Amino acid sequence: MARPTTFVLVRHGATSTTGQVLPGRAPGLHLSEAGRAQAEAAAAAIARMRPRPRALYVSPLERAKETAAPIATALSLRAGVERGLNECDFGAWTGQRLTSLARRAEWRTVQHAPSSFRFPEGESFAEMQLRVWSTLERLAARHRGQSVVCVSHADPIKAAVTFALGVPLDLFQRTVVSPASLSVVTLSGAGPVVLCVNAGTLDRLGPS
């Protein structure tokens, strides 16, 4: 039986707005000092993995690229920009504070029935999930039997894990993907397997 392709899905490290603002695809958001330390720790953990990852892909946003940089150094790889790993397009909600959004009537739909929600002037959760999973399938075909690191964002990683588990998209908010955490999914002809979710963050339990 052919070896599966293993994806190490890394959320970017913390920024100055993590847990406070819905940053979306807004440019110019960089890692905080804590986020840079998280990225270095993630890189060290990934460098110890065997078999050693053979490829590295990253969302086009700055915070993801800055997280990927120490990983690229640790693995002696060049990070390829992959638009399919981009953050969800939050449209008109981009840049708004989470406390403000939580007061909106639509927030309950976002939390409890996301499959039916489209962000105003943006992407739907279903479109995001299809985009991310299609990207992983394409990369799996390119890197059959290899380990691949993908640096992305919380919602895309949660959507990929949910799909791999066969869990309805409406339940994807029950998954926590913390800054610089590692989630591992394999793809093969037999289907996807989830090896771990949100690893490397047990020093701080709970959403962030």
N, C-alpha and C. Protein backbone atom coordinates (compact mmCIF):
# COMPACT_ATOMS: atom_id res chain seq x y z
N MET A 1 0.84 -1.19 0.00
CA MET A 1 0.00 0.00 0.00
C MET A 1 0.88 1.25 0.00
N ALA A 2 0.50 2.22 -0.84
CA ALA A 2 1.29 3.45 -0.94
C ALA A 2 1.22 4.24 0.36
N ARG A 3 2.33 4.87 0.70
CA ARG A 3 2.37 5.68 1.91
C ARG A 3 1.46 6.90 1.75
N PRO A 4 0.77 7.31 2.80
CA PRO A 4 -0.06 8.51 2.72
C PRO A 4 0.80 9.77 2.70
N THR A 5 0.22 10.84 2.23
CA THR A 5 0.84 12.16 2.37
C THR A 5 0.43 12.73 3.71
N THR A 6 1.40 13.20 4.47
CA THR A 6 1.13 13.73 5.81
C THR A 6 1.23 15.24 5.79
N PHE A 7 0.17 15.90 6.23
CA PHE A 7 0.16 17.36 6.30
C PHE A 7 0.27 17.83 7.75
N VAL A 8 1.28 18.65 8.00
CA VAL A 8 1.42 19.31 9.30
C VAL A 8 0.85 20.72 9.12
N LEU A 9 -0.32 20.95 9.68
CA LEU A 9 -1.03 22.22 9.52
C LEU A 9 -0.69 23.12 10.70
N VAL A 10 -0.05 24.24 10.41
CA VAL A 10 0.43 25.14 11.46
C VAL A 10 -0.35 26.45 11.39
N ARG A 11 -0.97 26.81 12.50
CA ARG A 11 -1.56 28.15 12.55
C ARG A 11 -0.44 29.16 12.78
N HIS A 12 -0.57 30.34 12.20
CA HIS A 12 0.43 31.39 12.43
C HIS A 12 0.51 31.74 13.91
N GLY A 13 1.61 32.34 14.31
CA GLY A 13 1.79 32.77 15.69
C GLY A 13 0.91 33.96 16.04
N ALA A 14 0.91 34.31 17.30
CA ALA A 14 0.06 35.40 17.80
C ALA A 14 0.48 36.75 17.23
N THR A 15 -0.51 37.63 17.09
CA THR A 15 -0.28 39.02 16.69
C THR A 15 -0.83 39.92 17.80
N SER A 16 -0.71 41.21 17.60
CA SER A 16 -1.20 42.15 18.62
C SER A 16 -2.72 42.14 18.71
N THR A 17 -3.40 41.56 17.71
CA THR A 17 -4.87 41.58 17.71
C THR A 17 -5.49 40.20 17.94
N THR A 18 -4.68 39.18 18.16
CA THR A 18 -5.21 37.83 18.33
C THR A 18 -6.21 37.77 19.48
N GLY A 19 -7.39 37.21 19.20
CA GLY A 19 -8.43 37.10 20.21
C GLY A 19 -9.22 38.36 20.44
N GLN A 20 -8.91 39.44 19.70
CA GLN A 20 -9.58 40.72 19.90
C GLN A 20 -10.29 41.22 18.65
N VAL A 21 -9.67 40.97 17.49
CA VAL A 21 -10.14 41.52 16.22
C VAL A 21 -10.23 40.39 15.20
N LEU A 22 -11.17 40.53 14.25
CA LEU A 22 -11.26 39.59 13.14
C LEU A 22 -10.40 40.17 12.00
N PRO A 23 -9.13 39.76 11.90
CA PRO A 23 -8.22 40.44 10.98
C PRO A 23 -8.44 40.08 9.52
N GLY A 24 -8.89 38.85 9.27
CA GLY A 24 -9.12 38.43 7.89
C GLY A 24 -7.88 38.56 7.04
N ARG A 25 -8.09 39.12 5.85
CA ARG A 25 -6.99 39.25 4.88
C ARG A 25 -6.39 40.65 4.87
N ALA A 26 -6.68 41.45 5.87
CA ALA A 26 -6.13 42.81 5.91
C ALA A 26 -4.61 42.75 5.91
N PRO A 27 -3.94 43.55 5.08
CA PRO A 27 -2.48 43.53 5.03
C PRO A 27 -1.86 44.26 6.21
N GLY A 28 -0.58 43.99 6.44
CA GLY A 28 0.18 44.76 7.41
C GLY A 28 0.12 44.27 8.83
N LEU A 29 -0.44 43.09 9.06
CA LEU A 29 -0.51 42.55 10.42
C LEU A 29 0.64 41.58 10.63
N HIS A 30 1.50 41.87 11.61
CA HIS A 30 2.72 41.09 11.83
C HIS A 30 2.67 40.36 13.16
N LEU A 31 3.56 39.38 13.32
CA LEU A 31 3.64 38.65 14.57
C LEU A 31 4.09 39.57 15.70
N SER A 32 3.54 39.34 16.87
CA SER A 32 4.02 40.01 18.07
C SER A 32 5.30 39.33 18.54
N GLU A 33 5.91 39.87 19.58
CA GLU A 33 7.10 39.22 20.14
C GLU A 33 6.78 37.80 20.59
N ALA A 34 5.62 37.64 21.24
CA ALA A 34 5.21 36.29 21.66
C ALA A 34 4.98 35.40 20.45
N GLY A 35 4.41 35.95 19.40
CA GLY A 35 4.16 35.18 18.19
C GLY A 35 5.44 34.71 17.53
N ARG A 36 6.47 35.56 17.55
CA ARG A 36 7.75 35.14 16.97
C ARG A 36 8.36 34.00 17.78
N ALA A 37 8.23 34.08 19.10
CA ALA A 37 8.74 32.99 19.95
C ALA A 37 7.96 31.70 19.69
N GLN A 38 6.65 31.83 19.49
CA GLN A 38 5.83 30.66 19.18
C GLN A 38 6.26 30.03 17.86
N ALA A 39 6.54 30.87 16.87
CA ALA A 39 6.97 30.36 15.57
C ALA A 39 8.29 29.61 15.68
N GLU A 40 9.21 30.13 16.47
CA GLU A 40 10.49 29.45 16.67
C GLU A 40 10.28 28.10 17.35
N ALA A 41 9.38 28.05 18.34
CA ALA A 41 9.11 26.79 19.03
C ALA A 41 8.47 25.78 18.09
N ALA A 42 7.55 26.25 17.25
CA ALA A 42 6.93 25.35 16.27
C ALA A 42 7.97 24.81 15.30
N ALA A 43 8.87 25.68 14.86
CA ALA A 43 9.93 25.25 13.94
C ALA A 43 10.80 24.18 14.56
N ALA A 44 11.14 24.36 15.83
CA ALA A 44 11.98 23.37 16.52
C ALA A 44 11.26 22.03 16.62
N ALA A 45 9.96 22.06 16.90
CA ALA A 45 9.19 20.82 16.99
C ALA A 45 9.10 20.12 15.64
N ILE A 46 8.87 20.90 14.59
CA ILE A 46 8.75 20.32 13.25
C ILE A 46 10.09 19.75 12.79
N ALA A 47 11.19 20.40 13.14
CA ALA A 47 12.51 19.91 12.74
C ALA A 47 12.82 18.55 13.33
N ARG A 48 12.17 18.21 14.44
CA ARG A 48 12.40 16.91 15.07
C ARG A 48 11.53 15.80 14.47
N MET A 49 10.62 16.16 13.61
CA MET A 49 9.70 15.16 13.06
C MET A 49 10.39 14.20 12.11
N ARG A 50 9.99 12.96 12.16
CA ARG A 50 10.45 11.94 11.24
C ARG A 50 9.26 11.15 10.73
N PRO A 51 9.17 10.95 9.41
CA PRO A 51 10.12 11.41 8.41
C PRO A 51 10.11 12.93 8.28
N ARG A 52 11.23 13.46 7.88
CA ARG A 52 11.41 14.91 7.80
C ARG A 52 10.52 15.48 6.70
N PRO A 53 9.80 16.57 6.96
CA PRO A 53 8.99 17.20 5.92
C PRO A 53 9.82 17.59 4.71
N ARG A 54 9.25 17.37 3.54
CA ARG A 54 9.96 17.61 2.29
C ARG A 54 9.49 18.86 1.56
N ALA A 55 8.41 19.47 2.03
CA ALA A 55 7.89 20.66 1.35
C ALA A 55 7.22 21.56 2.38
N LEU A 56 7.17 22.86 2.05
CA LEU A 56 6.60 23.87 2.94
C LEU A 56 5.80 24.86 2.11
N TYR A 57 4.53 25.04 2.50
CA TYR A 57 3.65 25.99 1.82
C TYR A 57 3.06 26.95 2.85
N VAL A 58 2.72 28.15 2.39
CA VAL A 58 2.29 29.18 3.34
C VAL A 58 1.22 30.06 2.70
N SER A 59 0.29 30.50 3.52
CA SER A 59 -0.69 31.51 3.13
C SER A 59 0.04 32.79 2.70
N PRO A 60 -0.56 33.59 1.82
CA PRO A 60 0.12 34.81 1.37
C PRO A 60 0.17 35.94 2.39
N LEU A 61 -0.47 35.81 3.55
CA LEU A 61 -0.50 36.91 4.52
C LEU A 61 0.79 36.99 5.33
N GLU A 62 1.14 38.21 5.75
CA GLU A 62 2.42 38.44 6.43
C GLU A 62 2.60 37.59 7.68
N ARG A 63 1.55 37.49 8.49
CA ARG A 63 1.69 36.76 9.75
C ARG A 63 1.97 35.28 9.52
N ALA A 64 1.46 34.75 8.42
CA ALA A 64 1.75 33.35 8.08
C ALA A 64 3.18 33.22 7.54
N LYS A 65 3.59 34.15 6.69
CA LYS A 65 4.95 34.10 6.15
C LYS A 65 5.99 34.23 7.25
N GLU A 66 5.73 35.10 8.23
CA GLU A 66 6.68 35.27 9.34
C GLU A 66 6.74 34.02 10.21
N THR A 67 5.64 33.29 10.32
CA THR A 67 5.65 32.02 11.05
C THR A 67 6.40 30.96 10.27
N ALA A 68 6.27 30.99 8.95
CA ALA A 68 6.93 29.99 8.11
C ALA A 68 8.43 30.19 8.03
N ALA A 69 8.90 31.43 8.24
CA ALA A 69 10.33 31.71 8.05
C ALA A 69 11.25 30.84 8.90
N PRO A 70 11.05 30.72 10.22
CA PRO A 70 11.94 29.85 11.00
C PRO A 70 11.76 28.37 10.67
N ILE A 71 10.57 27.99 10.20
CA ILE A 71 10.36 26.61 9.78
C ILE A 71 11.18 26.32 8.53
N ALA A 72 11.17 27.27 7.59
CA ALA A 72 11.96 27.11 6.37
C ALA A 72 13.44 26.98 6.70
N THR A 73 13.91 27.79 7.64
CA THR A 73 15.32 27.72 8.04
C THR A 73 15.63 26.37 8.68
N ALA A 74 14.76 25.92 9.57
CA ALA A 74 15.00 24.66 10.28
C ALA A 74 15.01 23.46 9.35
N LEU A 75 14.21 23.53 8.28
CA LEU A 75 14.10 22.39 7.35
C LEU A 75 14.94 22.57 6.09
N SER A 76 15.60 23.73 5.96
CA SER A 76 16.36 24.05 4.74
C SER A 76 15.46 23.94 3.51
N LEU A 77 14.26 24.53 3.62
CA LEU A 77 13.30 24.51 2.53
C LEU A 77 12.90 25.94 2.18
N ARG A 78 12.43 26.11 0.96
CA ARG A 78 11.87 27.39 0.54
C ARG A 78 10.35 27.31 0.70
N ALA A 79 9.76 28.31 1.31
CA ALA A 79 8.31 28.32 1.50
C ALA A 79 7.61 28.79 0.23
N GLY A 80 6.76 27.95 -0.31
CA GLY A 80 5.97 28.31 -1.48
C GLY A 80 4.65 28.95 -1.06
N VAL A 81 4.34 30.10 -1.63
CA VAL A 81 3.08 30.78 -1.30
C VAL A 81 1.93 30.04 -1.98
N GLU A 82 0.92 29.68 -1.19
CA GLU A 82 -0.23 28.93 -1.69
C GLU A 82 -1.51 29.68 -1.29
N ARG A 83 -2.16 30.27 -2.29
CA ARG A 83 -3.35 31.08 -2.01
C ARG A 83 -4.50 30.25 -1.44
N GLY A 84 -4.50 28.96 -1.71
CA GLY A 84 -5.55 28.11 -1.17
C GLY A 84 -5.51 27.99 0.34
N LEU A 85 -4.38 28.39 0.96
CA LEU A 85 -4.24 28.35 2.41
C LEU A 85 -4.60 29.68 3.07
N ASN A 86 -5.07 30.62 2.28
CA ASN A 86 -5.36 31.96 2.80
C ASN A 86 -6.46 31.93 3.86
N GLU A 87 -6.49 32.96 4.67
CA GLU A 87 -7.55 33.12 5.67
C GLU A 87 -8.90 33.22 4.97
N CYS A 88 -9.96 32.91 5.70
CA CYS A 88 -11.30 33.13 5.18
C CYS A 88 -11.45 34.62 4.84
N ASP A 89 -12.16 34.90 3.75
CA ASP A 89 -12.43 36.28 3.38
C ASP A 89 -13.64 36.76 4.18
N PHE A 90 -13.38 37.55 5.21
CA PHE A 90 -14.45 38.01 6.09
C PHE A 90 -15.17 39.23 5.54
N GLY A 91 -14.79 39.70 4.36
CA GLY A 91 -15.51 40.77 3.71
C GLY A 91 -15.63 42.01 4.56
N ALA A 92 -16.88 42.51 4.70
CA ALA A 92 -17.13 43.74 5.43
C ALA A 92 -16.88 43.62 6.93
N TRP A 93 -16.72 42.38 7.41
CA TRP A 93 -16.44 42.19 8.84
C TRP A 93 -14.94 42.27 9.15
N THR A 94 -14.12 42.35 8.14
CA THR A 94 -12.67 42.40 8.33
C THR A 94 -12.28 43.60 9.20
N GLY A 95 -11.47 43.33 10.21
CA GLY A 95 -10.96 44.39 11.06
C GLY A 95 -11.87 44.78 12.21
N GLN A 96 -13.04 44.18 12.32
CA GLN A 96 -13.96 44.54 13.40
C GLN A 96 -13.61 43.79 14.69
N ARG A 97 -13.91 44.41 15.81
CA ARG A 97 -13.62 43.80 17.10
C ARG A 97 -14.60 42.66 17.37
N LEU A 98 -14.09 41.59 17.96
CA LEU A 98 -14.92 40.43 18.23
C LEU A 98 -16.04 40.76 19.22
N THR A 99 -15.77 41.63 20.19
CA THR A 99 -16.81 41.99 21.15
C THR A 99 -17.98 42.69 20.46
N SER A 100 -17.68 43.48 19.43
CA SER A 100 -18.73 44.15 18.67
C SER A 100 -19.50 43.15 17.81
N LEU A 101 -18.78 42.25 17.15
CA LEU A 101 -19.43 41.26 16.30
C LEU A 101 -20.32 40.33 17.12
N ALA A 102 -19.92 40.03 18.34
CA ALA A 102 -20.69 39.10 19.17
C ALA A 102 -22.06 39.65 19.53
N ARG A 103 -22.26 40.96 19.38
CA ARG A 103 -23.56 41.57 19.67
C ARG A 103 -24.50 41.53 18.48
N ARG A 104 -23.99 41.12 17.33
CA ARG A 104 -24.82 41.07 16.13
C ARG A 104 -25.67 39.80 16.13
N ALA A 105 -26.86 39.89 15.55
CA ALA A 105 -27.75 38.73 15.49
C ALA A 105 -27.12 37.60 14.68
N GLU A 106 -26.33 37.94 13.66
CA GLU A 106 -25.74 36.92 12.80
C GLU A 106 -24.65 36.11 13.51
N TRP A 107 -24.14 36.63 14.63
CA TRP A 107 -23.03 35.94 15.30
C TRP A 107 -23.44 34.55 15.77
N ARG A 108 -24.70 34.40 16.16
CA ARG A 108 -25.17 33.07 16.59
C ARG A 108 -25.10 32.09 15.42
N THR A 109 -25.42 32.56 14.22
CA THR A 109 -25.31 31.70 13.04
C THR A 109 -23.86 31.32 12.79
N VAL A 110 -22.96 32.27 12.92
CA VAL A 110 -21.52 32.00 12.73
C VAL A 110 -21.06 30.91 13.69
N GLN A 111 -21.55 30.95 14.91
CA GLN A 111 -21.09 30.01 15.93
C GLN A 111 -21.80 28.66 15.88
N HIS A 112 -23.06 28.63 15.48
CA HIS A 112 -23.84 27.41 15.61
C HIS A 112 -24.36 26.83 14.29
N ALA A 113 -24.36 27.62 13.22
CA ALA A 113 -24.79 27.11 11.92
C ALA A 113 -23.95 27.73 10.81
N PRO A 114 -22.62 27.63 10.92
CA PRO A 114 -21.75 28.32 9.96
C PRO A 114 -21.92 27.86 8.52
N SER A 115 -22.42 26.65 8.30
CA SER A 115 -22.57 26.17 6.92
C SER A 115 -23.55 27.03 6.12
N SER A 116 -24.42 27.76 6.82
CA SER A 116 -25.42 28.58 6.13
C SER A 116 -25.02 30.05 6.05
N PHE A 117 -23.80 30.37 6.49
CA PHE A 117 -23.43 31.79 6.60
C PHE A 117 -22.41 32.20 5.55
N ARG A 118 -22.66 33.37 4.98
CA ARG A 118 -21.68 34.03 4.11
C ARG A 118 -21.36 35.39 4.71
N PHE A 119 -20.07 35.71 4.83
CA PHE A 119 -19.69 37.02 5.34
C PHE A 119 -20.09 38.09 4.33
N PRO A 120 -20.67 39.19 4.77
CA PRO A 120 -21.07 40.26 3.85
C PRO A 120 -19.89 40.69 2.98
N GLU A 121 -20.09 40.63 1.67
CA GLU A 121 -19.06 40.99 0.69
C GLU A 121 -17.86 40.05 0.76
N GLY A 122 -18.02 38.87 1.36
CA GLY A 122 -16.90 37.95 1.51
C GLY A 122 -17.24 36.52 1.13
N GLU A 123 -16.58 35.60 1.81
CA GLU A 123 -16.64 34.18 1.50
C GLU A 123 -17.60 33.48 2.45
N SER A 124 -18.16 32.35 2.03
CA SER A 124 -18.93 31.52 2.94
C SER A 124 -18.00 30.50 3.59
N PHE A 125 -18.41 29.97 4.73
CA PHE A 125 -17.62 28.93 5.38
C PHE A 125 -17.50 27.70 4.47
N ALA A 126 -18.58 27.38 3.77
CA ALA A 126 -18.56 26.21 2.88
C ALA A 126 -17.55 26.41 1.75
N GLU A 127 -17.50 27.62 1.19
CA GLU A 127 -16.52 27.90 0.13
C GLU A 127 -15.10 27.81 0.67
N MET A 128 -14.89 28.33 1.87
CA MET A 128 -13.56 28.24 2.48
C MET A 128 -13.15 26.79 2.66
N GLN A 129 -14.04 25.97 3.19
CA GLN A 129 -13.70 24.57 3.43
C GLN A 129 -13.36 23.85 2.13
N LEU A 130 -14.16 24.08 1.09
CA LEU A 130 -13.89 23.45 -0.20
C LEU A 130 -12.56 23.92 -0.76
N ARG A 131 -12.27 25.21 -0.63
CA ARG A 131 -10.99 25.76 -1.13
C ARG A 131 -9.80 25.11 -0.43
N VAL A 132 -9.86 25.03 0.88
CA VAL A 132 -8.73 24.50 1.64
C VAL A 132 -8.56 23.01 1.37
N TRP A 133 -9.65 22.25 1.39
CA TRP A 133 -9.51 20.81 1.18
C TRP A 133 -9.05 20.49 -0.23
N SER A 134 -9.55 21.23 -1.22
CA SER A 134 -9.09 21.04 -2.60
C SER A 134 -7.59 21.32 -2.72
N THR A 135 -7.12 22.31 -1.99
CA THR A 135 -5.69 22.62 -1.98
C THR A 135 -4.89 21.47 -1.41
N LEU A 136 -5.34 20.89 -0.31
CA LEU A 136 -4.62 19.76 0.29
C LEU A 136 -4.62 18.56 -0.65
N GLU A 137 -5.73 18.31 -1.32
CA GLU A 137 -5.78 17.19 -2.27
C GLU A 137 -4.79 17.41 -3.42
N ARG A 138 -4.72 18.64 -3.90
CA ARG A 138 -3.78 18.95 -4.99
C ARG A 138 -2.33 18.79 -4.53
N LEU A 139 -2.03 19.26 -3.33
CA LEU A 139 -0.67 19.12 -2.81
C LEU A 139 -0.34 17.67 -2.51
N ALA A 140 -1.34 16.89 -2.09
CA ALA A 140 -1.11 15.46 -1.82
C ALA A 140 -0.73 14.73 -3.11
N ALA A 141 -1.35 15.11 -4.21
CA ALA A 141 -1.01 14.49 -5.49
C ALA A 141 0.40 14.88 -5.92
N ARG A 142 0.84 16.07 -5.56
CA ARG A 142 2.18 16.54 -5.92
C ARG A 142 3.25 15.91 -5.04
N HIS A 143 2.91 15.59 -3.80
CA HIS A 143 3.90 15.10 -2.82
C HIS A 143 3.46 13.75 -2.25
N ARG A 144 3.20 12.81 -3.10
CA ARG A 144 2.70 11.50 -2.66
C ARG A 144 3.70 10.84 -1.70
N GLY A 145 3.18 10.42 -0.55
CA GLY A 145 4.00 9.70 0.41
C GLY A 145 4.96 10.55 1.22
N GLN A 146 4.92 11.87 1.04
CA GLN A 146 5.83 12.75 1.76
C GLN A 146 5.11 13.47 2.90
N SER A 147 5.90 14.12 3.74
CA SER A 147 5.35 14.99 4.78
C SER A 147 5.47 16.43 4.31
N VAL A 148 4.40 17.18 4.47
CA VAL A 148 4.31 18.55 3.96
C VAL A 148 3.82 19.46 5.08
N VAL A 149 4.48 20.60 5.25
CA VAL A 149 4.06 21.59 6.24
C VAL A 149 3.27 22.69 5.54
N CYS A 150 2.11 23.04 6.09
CA CYS A 150 1.28 24.11 5.55
C CYS A 150 0.99 25.11 6.67
N VAL A 151 1.41 26.36 6.49
CA VAL A 151 1.17 27.40 7.49
C VAL A 151 -0.05 28.20 7.05
N SER A 152 -1.07 28.20 7.88
CA SER A 152 -2.34 28.81 7.51
C SER A 152 -2.93 29.54 8.71
N HIS A 153 -4.24 29.48 8.84
CA HIS A 153 -4.98 30.26 9.83
C HIS A 153 -5.98 29.37 10.55
N ALA A 154 -6.55 29.87 11.64
CA ALA A 154 -7.38 29.02 12.49
C ALA A 154 -8.58 28.44 11.75
N ASP A 155 -9.39 29.28 11.12
CA ASP A 155 -10.60 28.76 10.49
C ASP A 155 -10.32 27.80 9.34
N PRO A 156 -9.37 28.08 8.44
CA PRO A 156 -9.06 27.09 7.41
C PRO A 156 -8.59 25.76 7.97
N ILE A 157 -7.78 25.79 9.03
CA ILE A 157 -7.31 24.53 9.62
C ILE A 157 -8.47 23.80 10.29
N LYS A 158 -9.31 24.51 11.02
CA LYS A 158 -10.48 23.89 11.63
C LYS A 158 -11.39 23.27 10.57
N ALA A 159 -11.56 23.96 9.45
CA ALA A 159 -12.41 23.45 8.38
C ALA A 159 -11.82 22.18 7.77
N ALA A 160 -10.49 22.15 7.61
CA ALA A 160 -9.84 20.96 7.05
C ALA A 160 -9.96 19.77 8.00
N VAL A 161 -9.74 20.00 9.28
CA VAL A 161 -9.84 18.92 10.27
C VAL A 161 -11.27 18.39 10.32
N THR A 162 -12.24 19.30 10.30
CA THR A 162 -13.64 18.90 10.32
C THR A 162 -13.98 18.03 9.12
N PHE A 163 -13.51 18.44 7.94
CA PHE A 163 -13.76 17.66 6.73
C PHE A 163 -13.12 16.28 6.84
N ALA A 164 -11.88 16.25 7.30
CA ALA A 164 -11.17 14.97 7.41
C ALA A 164 -11.88 14.00 8.35
N LEU A 165 -12.48 14.53 9.40
CA LEU A 165 -13.19 13.70 10.37
C LEU A 165 -14.58 13.30 9.89
N GLY A 166 -15.06 13.93 8.83
CA GLY A 166 -16.41 13.66 8.37
C GLY A 166 -17.47 14.28 9.26
N VAL A 167 -17.08 15.32 9.98
CA VAL A 167 -17.98 16.01 10.90
C VAL A 167 -18.71 17.13 10.14
N PRO A 168 -19.99 17.33 10.38
CA PRO A 168 -20.70 18.43 9.72
C PRO A 168 -20.02 19.77 9.98
N LEU A 169 -20.01 20.61 8.95
CA LEU A 169 -19.38 21.92 9.07
C LEU A 169 -20.00 22.75 10.20
N ASP A 170 -21.27 22.52 10.50
CA ASP A 170 -21.91 23.29 11.56
C ASP A 170 -21.30 23.04 12.93
N LEU A 171 -20.47 22.01 13.07
CA LEU A 171 -19.83 21.70 14.35
C LEU A 171 -18.37 22.14 14.39
N PHE A 172 -17.90 22.84 13.35
CA PHE A 172 -16.46 23.10 13.30
C PHE A 172 -16.00 24.10 14.36
N GLN A 173 -16.91 24.91 14.90
CA GLN A 173 -16.52 25.84 15.95
C GLN A 173 -16.21 25.14 17.27
N ARG A 174 -16.47 23.84 17.36
CA ARG A 174 -16.14 23.10 18.58
C ARG A 174 -14.66 22.71 18.63
N THR A 175 -13.94 23.01 17.58
CA THR A 175 -12.51 22.71 17.51
C THR A 175 -11.71 23.97 17.82
N VAL A 176 -10.67 23.83 18.62
CA VAL A 176 -9.78 24.96 18.93
C VAL A 176 -8.45 24.75 18.22
N VAL A 177 -8.00 25.77 17.51
CA VAL A 177 -6.68 25.76 16.86
C VAL A 177 -5.96 27.02 17.33
N SER A 178 -5.05 26.86 18.26
CA SER A 178 -4.38 27.99 18.91
C SER A 178 -3.20 28.51 18.08
N PRO A 179 -2.72 29.72 18.38
CA PRO A 179 -1.58 30.26 17.64
C PRO A 179 -0.37 29.33 17.67
N ALA A 180 0.20 29.10 16.50
CA ALA A 180 1.42 28.29 16.31
C ALA A 180 1.22 26.83 16.69
N SER A 181 -0.02 26.39 16.82
CA SER A 181 -0.27 24.97 17.12
C SER A 181 -0.10 24.12 15.87
N LEU A 182 0.08 22.82 16.09
CA LEU A 182 0.27 21.86 15.00
C LEU A 182 -0.90 20.89 14.99
N SER A 183 -1.50 20.71 13.82
CA SER A 183 -2.52 19.69 13.60
C SER A 183 -2.05 18.84 12.43
N VAL A 184 -2.20 17.53 12.53
CA VAL A 184 -1.63 16.62 11.54
C VAL A 184 -2.73 15.75 10.94
N VAL A 185 -2.79 15.77 9.61
CA VAL A 185 -3.78 15.01 8.85
C VAL A 185 -3.06 14.26 7.74
N THR A 186 -3.44 13.00 7.51
CA THR A 186 -2.87 12.25 6.39
C THR A 186 -3.94 12.04 5.33
N LEU A 187 -3.49 12.00 4.07
CA LEU A 187 -4.37 11.73 2.93
C LEU A 187 -3.81 10.56 2.16
N SER A 188 -4.69 9.63 1.81
CA SER A 188 -4.30 8.49 0.98
C SER A 188 -5.54 8.01 0.23
N GLY A 189 -5.35 6.98 -0.58
CA GLY A 189 -6.49 6.43 -1.30
C GLY A 189 -7.56 5.87 -0.39
N ALA A 190 -7.19 5.53 0.82
CA ALA A 190 -8.15 5.00 1.80
C ALA A 190 -8.92 6.09 2.50
N GLY A 191 -8.58 7.36 2.23
CA GLY A 191 -9.27 8.47 2.87
C GLY A 191 -8.39 9.18 3.87
N PRO A 192 -8.88 10.28 4.43
CA PRO A 192 -8.09 11.06 5.38
C PRO A 192 -8.11 10.46 6.78
N VAL A 193 -7.04 10.74 7.53
CA VAL A 193 -6.93 10.34 8.93
C VAL A 193 -6.39 11.54 9.71
N VAL A 194 -7.00 11.85 10.83
CA VAL A 194 -6.53 12.94 11.70
C VAL A 194 -5.66 12.34 12.79
N LEU A 195 -4.38 12.72 12.83
CA LEU A 195 -3.45 12.20 13.82
C LEU A 195 -3.43 13.03 15.10
N CYS A 196 -3.56 14.34 14.96
CA CYS A 196 -3.62 15.19 16.16
C CYS A 196 -4.17 16.56 15.77
N VAL A 197 -4.68 17.27 16.77
CA VAL A 197 -5.25 18.60 16.56
C VAL A 197 -4.77 19.52 17.69
N ASN A 198 -4.31 20.72 17.33
CA ASN A 198 -3.95 21.76 18.31
C ASN A 198 -2.83 21.31 19.24
N ALA A 199 -1.87 20.59 18.70
CA ALA A 199 -0.76 20.11 19.52
C ALA A 199 0.22 21.24 19.82
N GLY A 200 0.90 21.07 20.96
CA GLY A 200 1.96 22.01 21.31
C GLY A 200 1.49 23.22 22.06
N THR A 201 0.25 23.21 22.58
CA THR A 201 -0.28 24.40 23.25
C THR A 201 -0.83 24.08 24.64
N LEU A 202 -0.40 22.99 25.24
CA LEU A 202 -0.98 22.59 26.52
C LEU A 202 -0.56 23.49 27.68
N ASP A 203 0.33 24.44 27.42
CA ASP A 203 0.67 25.40 28.47
C ASP A 203 -0.46 26.40 28.68
N ARG A 204 -1.39 26.43 27.74
CA ARG A 204 -2.52 27.36 27.87
C ARG A 204 -3.76 26.68 27.33
N LEU A 205 -4.63 26.21 28.20
CA LEU A 205 -5.83 25.51 27.77
C LEU A 205 -6.95 26.51 27.49
N GLY A 206 -7.68 26.27 26.41
CA GLY A 206 -8.83 27.11 26.09
C GLY A 206 -8.63 27.87 24.79
N PRO A 207 -9.72 28.44 24.25
CA PRO A 207 -9.65 29.17 22.98
C PRO A 207 -8.74 30.39 23.06
N SER A 208 -8.16 30.74 21.91
CA SER A 208 -7.38 31.97 21.83
C SER A 208 -7.36 32.46 20.40
